[in-house]
Structures are given as C-alpha cells and as structure tokens.
N, C-alpha and C. Protein backbone atom coordinates (compact mmCIF):
# COMPACT_ATOMS: atom_id res chain seq x y z
N UNK A 1 -93.47 -52.91 2.30
CA UNK A 1 -92.00 -52.94 2.33
C UNK A 1 -91.50 -53.76 3.51
N UNK A 2 -92.28 -53.83 4.59
CA UNK A 2 -91.84 -54.59 5.76
C UNK A 2 -91.58 -56.05 5.40
N UNK A 3 -92.46 -56.63 4.61
CA UNK A 3 -92.29 -58.03 4.25
C UNK A 3 -91.14 -58.21 3.27
N UNK A 4 -90.88 -57.23 2.44
CA UNK A 4 -89.71 -57.30 1.57
C UNK A 4 -88.43 -57.33 2.38
N UNK A 5 -88.41 -56.58 3.47
CA UNK A 5 -87.24 -56.58 4.37
C UNK A 5 -87.06 -57.97 4.98
N UNK A 6 -88.15 -58.61 5.40
CA UNK A 6 -88.05 -59.95 5.99
C UNK A 6 -87.58 -60.97 4.96
N UNK A 7 -88.09 -60.88 3.73
CA UNK A 7 -87.64 -61.79 2.68
C UNK A 7 -86.16 -61.59 2.38
N UNK A 8 -85.73 -60.33 2.36
CA UNK A 8 -84.31 -60.04 2.13
C UNK A 8 -83.45 -60.58 3.26
N UNK A 9 -83.94 -60.49 4.50
CA UNK A 9 -83.22 -61.03 5.64
C UNK A 9 -83.08 -62.54 5.53
N UNK A 10 -84.16 -63.21 5.13
CA UNK A 10 -84.12 -64.67 4.99
C UNK A 10 -83.12 -65.10 3.92
N UNK A 11 -83.13 -64.43 2.77
CA UNK A 11 -82.17 -64.76 1.72
C UNK A 11 -80.75 -64.44 2.15
N UNK A 12 -80.59 -63.34 2.86
CA UNK A 12 -79.26 -62.97 3.34
C UNK A 12 -78.71 -63.99 4.32
N UNK A 13 -79.59 -64.54 5.17
CA UNK A 13 -79.16 -65.57 6.11
C UNK A 13 -78.65 -66.80 5.37
N UNK A 14 -79.35 -67.21 4.33
CA UNK A 14 -78.94 -68.38 3.53
C UNK A 14 -77.55 -68.15 2.95
N UNK A 15 -77.34 -66.99 2.37
CA UNK A 15 -76.04 -66.68 1.77
C UNK A 15 -74.96 -66.65 2.83
N UNK A 16 -75.27 -66.08 3.99
CA UNK A 16 -74.28 -66.00 5.08
C UNK A 16 -73.86 -67.38 5.55
N UNK A 17 -74.82 -68.28 5.71
CA UNK A 17 -74.51 -69.64 6.17
C UNK A 17 -73.62 -70.36 5.17
N UNK A 18 -73.96 -70.30 3.89
CA UNK A 18 -73.17 -71.01 2.89
C UNK A 18 -71.80 -70.36 2.69
N UNK A 19 -71.73 -69.06 2.85
CA UNK A 19 -70.43 -68.40 2.76
C UNK A 19 -69.51 -68.86 3.89
N UNK A 20 -70.08 -69.02 5.08
CA UNK A 20 -69.28 -69.52 6.21
C UNK A 20 -68.78 -70.92 5.92
N UNK A 21 -69.64 -71.77 5.39
CA UNK A 21 -69.23 -73.13 5.07
C UNK A 21 -68.15 -73.14 4.00
N UNK A 22 -68.28 -72.26 3.02
CA UNK A 22 -67.33 -72.21 1.92
C UNK A 22 -65.96 -71.74 2.38
N UNK A 23 -65.94 -70.82 3.33
CA UNK A 23 -64.68 -70.26 3.82
C UNK A 23 -64.08 -71.07 4.97
N UNK A 24 -64.88 -71.95 5.55
CA UNK A 24 -64.42 -72.71 6.71
C UNK A 24 -64.88 -72.06 8.00
N UNK A 25 -65.52 -72.82 8.86
CA UNK A 25 -66.06 -72.27 10.10
C UNK A 25 -66.17 -73.38 11.13
N UNK A 26 -66.69 -73.04 12.30
CA UNK A 26 -66.94 -74.03 13.34
C UNK A 26 -68.44 -74.27 13.44
N UNK A 27 -68.81 -75.41 14.00
CA UNK A 27 -70.23 -75.71 14.17
C UNK A 27 -70.88 -74.70 15.12
N UNK A 28 -70.11 -74.24 16.11
CA UNK A 28 -70.64 -73.25 17.04
C UNK A 28 -70.96 -71.94 16.33
N UNK A 29 -70.05 -71.50 15.48
CA UNK A 29 -70.27 -70.27 14.73
C UNK A 29 -71.44 -70.41 13.77
N UNK A 30 -71.56 -71.59 13.18
CA UNK A 30 -72.67 -71.85 12.26
C UNK A 30 -74.01 -71.79 13.00
N UNK A 31 -74.02 -72.36 14.20
CA UNK A 31 -75.24 -72.32 15.02
C UNK A 31 -75.58 -70.88 15.41
N UNK A 32 -74.58 -70.10 15.79
CA UNK A 32 -74.82 -68.71 16.18
C UNK A 32 -75.44 -67.92 15.03
N UNK A 33 -74.92 -68.14 13.84
CA UNK A 33 -75.44 -67.42 12.67
C UNK A 33 -76.90 -67.77 12.43
N UNK A 34 -77.22 -69.05 12.44
CA UNK A 34 -78.59 -69.47 12.17
C UNK A 34 -79.53 -69.03 13.29
N UNK A 35 -79.08 -69.18 14.53
CA UNK A 35 -79.93 -68.85 15.68
C UNK A 35 -80.20 -67.35 15.78
N UNK A 36 -79.26 -66.56 15.31
CA UNK A 36 -79.39 -65.10 15.41
C UNK A 36 -80.47 -64.54 14.49
N UNK A 37 -81.00 -65.37 13.61
CA UNK A 37 -82.08 -64.91 12.73
C UNK A 37 -83.42 -64.87 13.45
N UNK A 38 -83.46 -65.35 14.69
CA UNK A 38 -84.67 -65.29 15.51
C UNK A 38 -84.57 -64.10 16.47
N UNK A 39 -85.67 -63.43 16.68
CA UNK A 39 -85.64 -62.15 17.41
C UNK A 39 -85.11 -62.30 18.83
N UNK A 40 -85.63 -63.26 19.60
CA UNK A 40 -85.22 -63.36 21.00
C UNK A 40 -83.74 -63.73 21.15
N UNK A 41 -83.23 -64.77 20.45
CA UNK A 41 -81.79 -65.05 20.53
C UNK A 41 -80.94 -63.87 20.05
N UNK A 42 -81.40 -63.18 19.01
CA UNK A 42 -80.65 -62.01 18.52
C UNK A 42 -80.61 -60.92 19.58
N UNK A 43 -81.74 -60.70 20.25
CA UNK A 43 -81.81 -59.68 21.30
C UNK A 43 -80.86 -60.03 22.45
N UNK A 44 -80.84 -61.30 22.85
CA UNK A 44 -79.95 -61.72 23.95
C UNK A 44 -78.49 -61.54 23.58
N UNK A 45 -78.14 -61.81 22.33
CA UNK A 45 -76.75 -61.64 21.91
C UNK A 45 -76.35 -60.16 21.94
N UNK A 46 -77.25 -59.30 21.50
CA UNK A 46 -76.94 -57.87 21.51
C UNK A 46 -76.78 -57.37 22.95
N UNK A 47 -77.65 -57.83 23.85
CA UNK A 47 -77.57 -57.43 25.25
C UNK A 47 -76.24 -57.87 25.86
N UNK A 48 -75.76 -59.05 25.47
CA UNK A 48 -74.49 -59.57 25.99
C UNK A 48 -73.29 -59.01 25.22
N UNK A 49 -73.55 -58.09 24.29
CA UNK A 49 -72.50 -57.49 23.46
C UNK A 49 -71.81 -58.53 22.60
N UNK A 50 -72.54 -59.59 22.23
CA UNK A 50 -72.02 -60.60 21.32
C UNK A 50 -72.56 -60.30 19.92
N UNK A 51 -72.03 -59.25 19.34
CA UNK A 51 -72.57 -58.76 18.08
C UNK A 51 -72.20 -59.69 16.92
N UNK A 52 -73.13 -59.90 16.03
CA UNK A 52 -72.84 -60.47 14.73
C UNK A 52 -73.82 -59.85 13.73
N UNK A 53 -73.46 -59.88 12.48
CA UNK A 53 -74.24 -59.14 11.48
C UNK A 53 -75.67 -59.65 11.36
N UNK A 54 -75.86 -60.94 11.59
CA UNK A 54 -77.21 -61.50 11.47
C UNK A 54 -78.10 -61.00 12.60
N UNK A 55 -77.58 -60.98 13.82
CA UNK A 55 -78.36 -60.51 14.97
C UNK A 55 -78.75 -59.04 14.80
N UNK A 56 -77.80 -58.22 14.38
CA UNK A 56 -78.09 -56.79 14.18
C UNK A 56 -79.14 -56.61 13.08
N UNK A 57 -78.97 -57.34 11.98
CA UNK A 57 -79.93 -57.23 10.88
C UNK A 57 -81.31 -57.70 11.30
N UNK A 58 -81.37 -58.75 12.10
CA UNK A 58 -82.66 -59.28 12.56
C UNK A 58 -83.40 -58.25 13.42
N UNK A 59 -82.70 -57.65 14.37
CA UNK A 59 -83.35 -56.68 15.25
C UNK A 59 -83.79 -55.43 14.49
N UNK A 60 -82.95 -54.94 13.60
CA UNK A 60 -83.32 -53.75 12.84
C UNK A 60 -84.46 -54.04 11.87
N UNK A 61 -84.48 -55.26 11.33
CA UNK A 61 -85.60 -55.64 10.46
C UNK A 61 -86.90 -55.69 11.25
N UNK A 62 -86.81 -56.16 12.50
CA UNK A 62 -88.00 -56.22 13.35
C UNK A 62 -88.49 -54.82 13.73
N UNK A 63 -87.54 -53.94 14.07
CA UNK A 63 -87.93 -52.58 14.47
C UNK A 63 -88.44 -51.77 13.28
N UNK A 64 -88.13 -52.22 12.06
CA UNK A 64 -88.61 -51.48 10.89
C UNK A 64 -90.14 -51.51 10.80
N UNK A 65 -90.77 -52.44 11.52
CA UNK A 65 -92.23 -52.50 11.52
C UNK A 65 -92.83 -51.31 12.27
N UNK A 66 -91.99 -50.58 13.01
CA UNK A 66 -92.49 -49.39 13.71
C UNK A 66 -92.65 -48.20 12.78
N UNK A 67 -92.16 -48.33 11.57
CA UNK A 67 -92.25 -47.20 10.64
C UNK A 67 -93.69 -46.78 10.40
N UNK A 68 -94.56 -47.77 10.20
CA UNK A 68 -95.96 -47.46 9.92
C UNK A 68 -96.60 -46.59 11.00
N UNK A 69 -96.58 -47.04 12.28
CA UNK A 69 -97.14 -46.20 13.34
C UNK A 69 -96.47 -44.83 13.45
N UNK A 70 -95.15 -44.78 13.23
CA UNK A 70 -94.46 -43.49 13.32
C UNK A 70 -94.95 -42.52 12.24
N UNK A 71 -95.04 -43.03 11.01
CA UNK A 71 -95.51 -42.17 9.92
C UNK A 71 -96.97 -41.76 10.13
N UNK A 72 -97.77 -42.68 10.66
CA UNK A 72 -99.18 -42.35 10.89
C UNK A 72 -99.34 -41.27 11.96
N UNK A 73 -98.55 -41.40 13.01
CA UNK A 73 -98.66 -40.42 14.10
C UNK A 73 -97.99 -39.09 13.77
N UNK A 74 -97.14 -39.09 12.76
CA UNK A 74 -96.43 -37.85 12.42
C UNK A 74 -97.35 -36.82 11.77
N UNK A 75 -98.48 -37.29 11.24
CA UNK A 75 -99.38 -36.38 10.54
C UNK A 75 -100.65 -36.17 11.37
N UNK A 76 -100.90 -34.95 11.75
CA UNK A 76 -102.10 -34.61 12.52
C UNK A 76 -102.92 -33.59 11.76
N UNK A 77 -104.21 -33.62 12.01
CA UNK A 77 -105.13 -32.71 11.33
C UNK A 77 -105.87 -31.89 12.37
N UNK A 78 -105.95 -30.60 12.14
CA UNK A 78 -106.74 -29.72 13.00
C UNK A 78 -107.60 -28.83 12.13
N UNK A 79 -108.69 -28.33 12.70
CA UNK A 79 -109.60 -27.47 11.95
C UNK A 79 -109.54 -26.05 12.49
N UNK A 80 -109.30 -25.12 11.61
CA UNK A 80 -109.29 -23.71 11.98
C UNK A 80 -110.39 -22.98 11.23
N UNK A 81 -111.09 -22.12 11.92
CA UNK A 81 -112.12 -21.33 11.25
C UNK A 81 -111.50 -20.14 10.55
N UNK A 82 -111.70 -20.04 9.25
CA UNK A 82 -111.14 -18.94 8.48
C UNK A 82 -112.27 -18.05 7.97
N UNK A 83 -112.12 -16.76 8.15
CA UNK A 83 -113.13 -15.81 7.68
C UNK A 83 -112.78 -15.34 6.28
N UNK A 84 -113.81 -15.25 5.46
CA UNK A 84 -113.59 -14.65 4.16
C UNK A 84 -114.87 -13.94 3.73
N UNK A 85 -114.73 -12.97 2.86
CA UNK A 85 -115.89 -12.19 2.42
C UNK A 85 -116.29 -12.62 1.03
N UNK A 86 -117.60 -12.86 0.85
CA UNK A 86 -118.10 -13.27 -0.46
C UNK A 86 -118.82 -12.13 -1.17
N UNK A 87 -118.52 -10.90 -0.73
CA UNK A 87 -119.16 -9.75 -1.33
C UNK A 87 -120.35 -9.26 -0.54
N UNK A 88 -120.79 -10.01 0.46
CA UNK A 88 -121.91 -9.59 1.29
C UNK A 88 -121.38 -8.83 2.50
N UNK A 89 -122.27 -8.27 3.23
CA UNK A 89 -121.86 -7.48 4.40
C UNK A 89 -121.45 -8.35 5.57
N UNK A 90 -121.91 -9.62 5.60
CA UNK A 90 -121.58 -10.51 6.72
C UNK A 90 -120.55 -11.55 6.27
N UNK A 91 -119.34 -11.49 6.82
CA UNK A 91 -118.33 -12.49 6.45
C UNK A 91 -118.74 -13.88 6.93
N UNK A 92 -118.41 -14.89 6.15
CA UNK A 92 -118.76 -16.28 6.51
C UNK A 92 -117.54 -16.98 7.11
N UNK A 93 -117.81 -17.88 7.99
CA UNK A 93 -116.74 -18.66 8.62
C UNK A 93 -116.85 -20.12 8.17
N UNK A 94 -115.78 -20.64 7.58
CA UNK A 94 -115.76 -22.03 7.10
C UNK A 94 -114.57 -22.76 7.72
N UNK A 95 -114.78 -23.97 8.21
CA UNK A 95 -113.66 -24.74 8.75
C UNK A 95 -112.71 -25.19 7.65
N UNK A 96 -111.44 -25.14 7.93
CA UNK A 96 -110.43 -25.57 6.96
C UNK A 96 -109.46 -26.53 7.64
N UNK A 97 -109.24 -27.68 7.01
CA UNK A 97 -108.34 -28.68 7.58
C UNK A 97 -106.89 -28.22 7.43
N UNK A 98 -106.17 -28.30 8.53
CA UNK A 98 -104.75 -27.93 8.53
C UNK A 98 -103.93 -29.16 8.93
N UNK A 99 -103.01 -29.55 8.06
CA UNK A 99 -102.18 -30.73 8.31
C UNK A 99 -100.85 -30.29 8.90
N UNK A 100 -100.46 -30.97 9.97
CA UNK A 100 -99.18 -30.67 10.61
C UNK A 100 -98.35 -31.95 10.67
N UNK A 101 -97.08 -31.80 10.40
CA UNK A 101 -96.18 -32.95 10.39
C UNK A 101 -95.18 -32.84 11.53
N UNK A 102 -95.05 -33.93 12.28
CA UNK A 102 -94.05 -33.99 13.35
C UNK A 102 -92.74 -34.47 12.74
N UNK A 103 -91.80 -33.56 12.61
CA UNK A 103 -90.54 -33.88 11.93
C UNK A 103 -89.76 -34.98 12.64
N UNK A 104 -89.83 -34.99 13.97
CA UNK A 104 -89.07 -35.99 14.73
C UNK A 104 -89.56 -37.40 14.40
N UNK A 105 -90.87 -37.58 14.31
CA UNK A 105 -91.42 -38.90 13.99
C UNK A 105 -91.10 -39.30 12.56
N UNK A 106 -91.17 -38.34 11.65
CA UNK A 106 -90.84 -38.64 10.25
C UNK A 106 -89.39 -39.06 10.11
N UNK A 107 -88.50 -38.32 10.76
CA UNK A 107 -87.07 -38.65 10.71
C UNK A 107 -86.81 -40.01 11.32
N UNK A 108 -87.50 -40.33 12.42
CA UNK A 108 -87.33 -41.63 13.06
C UNK A 108 -87.78 -42.75 12.12
N UNK A 109 -88.90 -42.55 11.45
CA UNK A 109 -89.39 -43.56 10.51
C UNK A 109 -88.45 -43.76 9.34
N UNK A 110 -87.92 -42.67 8.81
CA UNK A 110 -86.97 -42.76 7.70
C UNK A 110 -85.69 -43.46 8.15
N UNK A 111 -85.24 -43.15 9.37
CA UNK A 111 -84.03 -43.79 9.89
C UNK A 111 -84.21 -45.30 10.00
N UNK A 112 -85.36 -45.74 10.53
CA UNK A 112 -85.61 -47.18 10.65
C UNK A 112 -85.66 -47.84 9.28
N UNK A 113 -86.22 -47.15 8.30
CA UNK A 113 -86.28 -47.70 6.94
C UNK A 113 -84.89 -47.92 6.37
N UNK A 114 -84.05 -46.91 6.51
CA UNK A 114 -82.69 -46.99 5.96
C UNK A 114 -81.84 -47.96 6.76
N UNK A 115 -81.97 -47.93 8.09
CA UNK A 115 -81.13 -48.77 8.94
C UNK A 115 -81.38 -50.25 8.70
N UNK A 116 -82.64 -50.64 8.52
CA UNK A 116 -82.95 -52.06 8.31
C UNK A 116 -82.35 -52.56 7.01
N UNK A 117 -82.44 -51.75 5.96
CA UNK A 117 -81.86 -52.15 4.67
C UNK A 117 -80.34 -52.17 4.75
N UNK A 118 -79.76 -51.15 5.38
CA UNK A 118 -78.30 -51.07 5.50
C UNK A 118 -77.74 -52.24 6.30
N UNK A 119 -78.49 -52.73 7.30
CA UNK A 119 -78.01 -53.84 8.12
C UNK A 119 -78.07 -55.17 7.37
N UNK A 120 -78.98 -55.28 6.41
CA UNK A 120 -79.13 -56.54 5.67
C UNK A 120 -78.12 -56.65 4.53
N UNK A 121 -77.73 -55.54 3.95
CA UNK A 121 -76.82 -55.56 2.80
C UNK A 121 -75.55 -56.36 3.06
N UNK A 122 -74.87 -56.24 4.24
CA UNK A 122 -73.64 -57.02 4.45
C UNK A 122 -73.85 -58.53 4.40
N UNK A 123 -75.06 -59.01 4.61
CA UNK A 123 -75.32 -60.45 4.56
C UNK A 123 -75.12 -61.00 3.15
N UNK A 124 -75.23 -60.14 2.16
CA UNK A 124 -75.11 -60.57 0.77
C UNK A 124 -73.67 -60.50 0.26
N UNK A 125 -72.76 -60.07 1.10
CA UNK A 125 -71.36 -59.95 0.68
C UNK A 125 -70.82 -61.31 0.25
N UNK A 126 -70.21 -61.36 -0.93
CA UNK A 126 -69.61 -62.58 -1.42
C UNK A 126 -70.57 -63.58 -2.02
N UNK A 127 -71.81 -63.19 -2.28
CA UNK A 127 -72.76 -64.15 -2.84
C UNK A 127 -72.30 -64.66 -4.21
N UNK A 128 -71.49 -63.86 -4.90
CA UNK A 128 -71.00 -64.26 -6.22
C UNK A 128 -70.02 -65.43 -6.14
N UNK A 129 -69.47 -65.67 -4.95
CA UNK A 129 -68.53 -66.78 -4.81
C UNK A 129 -69.23 -68.14 -4.75
N UNK A 130 -70.52 -68.15 -4.48
CA UNK A 130 -71.23 -69.41 -4.32
C UNK A 130 -71.41 -70.14 -5.64
N UNK A 131 -71.54 -69.40 -6.72
CA UNK A 131 -71.60 -70.04 -8.02
C UNK A 131 -72.97 -70.54 -8.45
N UNK A 132 -73.90 -70.67 -7.53
CA UNK A 132 -75.24 -71.13 -7.87
C UNK A 132 -76.20 -70.69 -6.78
N UNK A 133 -77.48 -70.87 -7.04
CA UNK A 133 -78.49 -70.54 -6.05
C UNK A 133 -78.43 -71.56 -4.92
N UNK A 134 -78.47 -71.09 -3.68
CA UNK A 134 -78.39 -71.98 -2.53
C UNK A 134 -79.62 -71.79 -1.64
N UNK A 135 -79.83 -72.74 -0.75
CA UNK A 135 -80.95 -72.66 0.18
C UNK A 135 -80.59 -73.41 1.45
N UNK A 136 -81.47 -73.34 2.44
CA UNK A 136 -81.31 -74.13 3.66
C UNK A 136 -82.29 -75.30 3.65
N UNK A 137 -82.65 -75.74 2.45
CA UNK A 137 -83.50 -76.92 2.31
C UNK A 137 -82.81 -78.12 2.97
N UNK A 138 -83.53 -78.92 3.75
CA UNK A 138 -82.90 -80.06 4.43
C UNK A 138 -82.18 -81.01 3.49
N UNK A 139 -82.69 -81.18 2.27
CA UNK A 139 -82.03 -82.08 1.32
C UNK A 139 -80.67 -81.53 0.90
N UNK A 140 -80.62 -80.24 0.67
CA UNK A 140 -79.36 -79.62 0.26
C UNK A 140 -78.35 -79.61 1.40
N UNK A 141 -78.83 -79.37 2.61
CA UNK A 141 -77.95 -79.39 3.78
C UNK A 141 -77.43 -80.80 4.02
N UNK A 142 -78.30 -81.80 3.90
CA UNK A 142 -77.89 -83.19 4.10
C UNK A 142 -76.81 -83.58 3.10
N UNK A 143 -76.94 -83.15 1.86
CA UNK A 143 -75.93 -83.46 0.84
C UNK A 143 -74.62 -82.78 1.17
N UNK A 144 -74.69 -81.55 1.63
CA UNK A 144 -73.47 -80.82 1.95
C UNK A 144 -72.71 -81.45 3.11
N UNK A 145 -73.44 -82.02 4.08
CA UNK A 145 -72.81 -82.64 5.24
C UNK A 145 -72.50 -84.12 5.01
N UNK A 146 -72.68 -84.60 3.81
CA UNK A 146 -72.30 -85.96 3.47
C UNK A 146 -73.17 -87.04 4.08
N UNK A 147 -74.46 -86.81 4.14
CA UNK A 147 -75.38 -87.82 4.68
C UNK A 147 -75.31 -89.09 3.83
N UNK A 148 -75.27 -90.27 4.47
CA UNK A 148 -75.19 -91.53 3.71
C UNK A 148 -76.31 -91.68 2.68
N UNK A 149 -77.48 -91.14 2.98
CA UNK A 149 -78.60 -91.24 2.04
C UNK A 149 -78.30 -90.55 0.72
N UNK A 150 -77.39 -89.60 0.76
CA UNK A 150 -77.10 -88.79 -0.42
C UNK A 150 -75.85 -89.24 -1.16
N UNK A 151 -75.28 -90.34 -0.75
CA UNK A 151 -74.08 -90.84 -1.42
C UNK A 151 -74.37 -91.13 -2.89
N UNK A 152 -73.36 -90.97 -3.71
CA UNK A 152 -73.38 -91.16 -5.17
C UNK A 152 -74.06 -90.00 -5.91
N UNK A 153 -74.64 -89.07 -5.18
CA UNK A 153 -75.21 -87.89 -5.83
C UNK A 153 -74.11 -86.87 -6.12
N UNK A 154 -74.35 -86.03 -7.08
CA UNK A 154 -73.42 -84.95 -7.39
C UNK A 154 -73.20 -84.10 -6.15
N UNK A 155 -71.96 -83.83 -5.83
CA UNK A 155 -71.65 -83.05 -4.65
C UNK A 155 -72.20 -81.64 -4.69
N UNK A 156 -72.49 -81.15 -5.87
CA UNK A 156 -73.03 -79.80 -6.02
C UNK A 156 -74.53 -79.82 -6.29
N UNK A 157 -75.17 -80.93 -5.92
CA UNK A 157 -76.60 -81.10 -6.21
C UNK A 157 -77.45 -80.13 -5.40
N UNK A 158 -78.41 -79.54 -6.06
CA UNK A 158 -79.37 -78.69 -5.37
C UNK A 158 -80.52 -79.55 -4.85
N UNK A 159 -81.40 -78.94 -4.08
CA UNK A 159 -82.55 -79.68 -3.55
C UNK A 159 -83.42 -80.22 -4.68
N UNK A 160 -83.57 -79.46 -5.74
CA UNK A 160 -84.38 -79.92 -6.88
C UNK A 160 -83.74 -81.13 -7.55
N UNK A 161 -82.42 -81.11 -7.67
CA UNK A 161 -81.72 -82.24 -8.28
C UNK A 161 -81.83 -83.49 -7.42
N UNK A 162 -81.74 -83.31 -6.10
CA UNK A 162 -81.90 -84.45 -5.18
C UNK A 162 -83.31 -85.03 -5.31
N UNK A 163 -84.29 -84.16 -5.43
CA UNK A 163 -85.68 -84.62 -5.57
C UNK A 163 -85.87 -85.42 -6.85
N UNK A 164 -85.25 -84.98 -7.92
CA UNK A 164 -85.39 -85.69 -9.20
C UNK A 164 -84.79 -87.08 -9.11
N UNK A 165 -83.63 -87.22 -8.46
CA UNK A 165 -82.94 -88.50 -8.43
C UNK A 165 -83.39 -89.41 -7.29
N UNK A 166 -83.77 -88.82 -6.15
CA UNK A 166 -84.13 -89.64 -4.99
C UNK A 166 -85.50 -89.29 -4.42
N UNK A 167 -86.33 -88.67 -5.20
CA UNK A 167 -87.61 -88.19 -4.69
C UNK A 167 -88.54 -89.28 -4.20
N UNK A 168 -88.40 -90.51 -4.72
CA UNK A 168 -89.28 -91.61 -4.31
C UNK A 168 -88.71 -92.42 -3.14
N UNK A 169 -87.59 -91.97 -2.59
CA UNK A 169 -86.95 -92.69 -1.49
C UNK A 169 -87.73 -92.46 -0.19
N UNK A 170 -88.19 -93.54 0.44
CA UNK A 170 -88.96 -93.44 1.68
C UNK A 170 -88.01 -93.41 2.87
N UNK A 171 -88.14 -92.40 3.72
CA UNK A 171 -87.25 -92.25 4.87
C UNK A 171 -88.09 -91.98 6.12
N UNK A 172 -87.44 -92.21 7.27
CA UNK A 172 -88.09 -91.92 8.55
C UNK A 172 -87.02 -91.59 9.59
N UNK A 173 -87.36 -90.68 10.49
CA UNK A 173 -86.45 -90.32 11.59
C UNK A 173 -86.85 -91.12 12.82
N UNK A 174 -85.89 -91.83 13.38
CA UNK A 174 -86.20 -92.62 14.58
C UNK A 174 -85.03 -93.49 14.99
N UNK A 175 -85.31 -94.46 15.84
CA UNK A 175 -84.28 -95.37 16.34
C UNK A 175 -84.03 -96.47 15.32
N UNK A 176 -82.75 -96.67 14.99
CA UNK A 176 -82.35 -97.67 14.01
C UNK A 176 -81.47 -98.69 14.70
N UNK A 177 -81.84 -99.96 14.62
CA UNK A 177 -81.05 -101.04 15.22
C UNK A 177 -80.68 -102.05 14.14
N UNK A 178 -79.40 -102.34 14.05
CA UNK A 178 -78.93 -103.35 13.11
C UNK A 178 -78.13 -104.39 13.88
N UNK A 179 -78.07 -105.58 13.32
CA UNK A 179 -77.34 -106.67 13.97
C UNK A 179 -75.85 -106.33 14.06
N UNK A 180 -75.28 -106.55 15.24
CA UNK A 180 -73.86 -106.27 15.49
C UNK A 180 -73.51 -104.80 15.26
N UNK A 181 -74.46 -103.94 15.51
CA UNK A 181 -74.21 -102.50 15.36
C UNK A 181 -74.93 -101.76 16.47
N UNK A 182 -74.33 -100.67 16.94
CA UNK A 182 -74.96 -99.93 18.02
C UNK A 182 -76.21 -99.20 17.54
N UNK A 183 -77.09 -98.99 18.47
CA UNK A 183 -78.36 -98.33 18.18
C UNK A 183 -78.12 -96.84 17.91
N UNK A 184 -78.79 -96.32 16.87
CA UNK A 184 -78.60 -94.92 16.49
C UNK A 184 -79.95 -94.24 16.27
N UNK A 185 -79.94 -92.93 16.48
CA UNK A 185 -81.12 -92.10 16.20
C UNK A 185 -80.79 -91.24 15.00
N UNK A 186 -81.48 -91.50 13.90
CA UNK A 186 -81.12 -90.84 12.65
C UNK A 186 -82.24 -90.97 11.63
N UNK A 187 -82.05 -90.31 10.50
CA UNK A 187 -82.95 -90.50 9.36
C UNK A 187 -82.42 -91.68 8.56
N UNK A 188 -83.28 -92.63 8.29
CA UNK A 188 -82.85 -93.86 7.61
C UNK A 188 -83.88 -94.28 6.57
N UNK A 189 -83.41 -94.99 5.56
CA UNK A 189 -84.32 -95.53 4.55
C UNK A 189 -85.14 -96.66 5.16
N UNK A 190 -86.43 -96.60 4.99
CA UNK A 190 -87.31 -97.61 5.60
C UNK A 190 -87.24 -98.95 4.88
N UNK A 191 -86.73 -98.97 3.66
CA UNK A 191 -86.67 -100.24 2.92
C UNK A 191 -85.43 -101.06 3.28
N UNK A 192 -84.46 -100.43 3.92
CA UNK A 192 -83.23 -101.16 4.26
C UNK A 192 -83.07 -101.38 5.76
N UNK A 193 -83.93 -100.78 6.57
CA UNK A 193 -83.80 -100.93 8.02
C UNK A 193 -85.15 -100.70 8.68
N UNK A 194 -85.27 -101.24 9.88
CA UNK A 194 -86.48 -101.01 10.67
C UNK A 194 -86.27 -99.77 11.53
N UNK A 195 -87.14 -98.82 11.36
CA UNK A 195 -87.05 -97.57 12.09
C UNK A 195 -88.28 -97.44 12.99
N UNK A 196 -88.04 -97.22 14.27
CA UNK A 196 -89.14 -97.10 15.22
C UNK A 196 -89.04 -95.78 15.97
N UNK A 197 -90.12 -95.42 16.63
CA UNK A 197 -90.12 -94.21 17.44
C UNK A 197 -89.24 -94.42 18.67
N UNK A 198 -88.43 -93.46 19.04
CA UNK A 198 -87.57 -93.61 20.22
C UNK A 198 -88.38 -93.59 21.51
N UNK A 199 -87.87 -94.29 22.51
CA UNK A 199 -88.53 -94.31 23.82
C UNK A 199 -87.99 -93.15 24.66
N UNK A 200 -88.78 -92.74 25.60
CA UNK A 200 -88.36 -91.66 26.49
C UNK A 200 -87.18 -92.13 27.35
N UNK A 201 -86.13 -91.32 27.37
CA UNK A 201 -84.94 -91.66 28.15
C UNK A 201 -84.01 -92.63 27.47
N UNK A 202 -84.31 -93.02 26.25
CA UNK A 202 -83.47 -93.98 25.53
C UNK A 202 -82.14 -93.34 25.16
N UNK A 203 -81.07 -94.12 25.26
CA UNK A 203 -79.72 -93.64 24.98
C UNK A 203 -79.24 -94.25 23.68
N UNK A 204 -78.60 -93.44 22.86
CA UNK A 204 -78.12 -93.90 21.55
C UNK A 204 -76.62 -93.71 21.43
N UNK A 205 -76.02 -94.52 20.57
CA UNK A 205 -74.59 -94.44 20.35
C UNK A 205 -74.22 -93.34 19.38
C-alpha cells in the first residue's frame, strides 16, 4: 500500500499543477507546488509554516512508511506454561504462545494510513475540469508553454500526439548562435541551427 500512496501522490501532483495553470497562477506558485513534492523542500516549508496541500501530502505520504514497523512492533509473543491433566496422576506442563497487541502502536499505524490518504485526496479536486488525461511530460509542458518547436501543433496535444507528429525531430539543449541574433541557451532543432555545449561562465541573452 505504501507504493500505491506514492503513485497517488504523483498523479495528484500532476492534476494540481495543471489545475493551477487552468485557473491562472504565478510562476512562483507553480514552482512551490512542484518543489513541495520532494520531502526536504516540503519539510522546510512546513517548518516555516508555509503550508500548501502538496507539502502536507508529501510528508504524510512519507511518514506512512512507518506503518509497517508500528504494526510489527504492536504484536508481541510470550510463552506461558499451562498445566492440564490428561487423566494421569501427574499433570503435564506445555508452553502456550500468548499474543499481545499494543493498542497505542496499532492506533498510530491506522492513523498514519488514514492521514496519508486523506492528505492526498484534495490534490484530485477539480480533475474533471481538465477534460483529458494530463502529465508532466516535457513534451506536453513545452506545448503548453508555447515552445517554438511545438508551433502548428494542436494546442491540446498530449505527449503521445506530439510524438506521433514530431517524434523524428532531432533536438539538443545548448548554446545557439544565429547571425544578427543574440546568443541563447535553449532546446533547438539541430537541422536548423548549430547547437554547442555552453562554456563555463558564459552569458546568454
């Protein structure tokens, strides 16, 4: 179940990001949402009282991994010698396993199970408004942000649709220099421009 929680968190993050874009947001808020899906940034935000649903869900999903040790430690076994008579004059003593449950540990484990799921559910709010399956695939994000490489493609194109139409397009990330144009660091088609590795300390326009 722990991995199901992580998969649910990942899908919830995708929906949260696209919902923010659909409703209108700032780049700073978008960065906070995405960054909060990592444990350390989420922990720092909670410590600073900068709560957001993704950070809370991330931390509770991480702590849900403690359920296993809690449930394991909640059950202890001890052996007690019990006397019984088998009809003979000498009673026999046989060890009998006695299981004891620590209610506090069981309750803690159940709480973590419920809390992690409850924290992830709000991430799915409004998923029906998106109209289609979404992802954080770089191709889909590039199309949404209007990357020149994606021009003339359907504005609602998914990553699979981009792959079908432009899958054979060769690209490279690096320094691009064109005549009478400032130098830029970007992803560019290798057939239309020369793309090289950037130098250390190089400044781009």
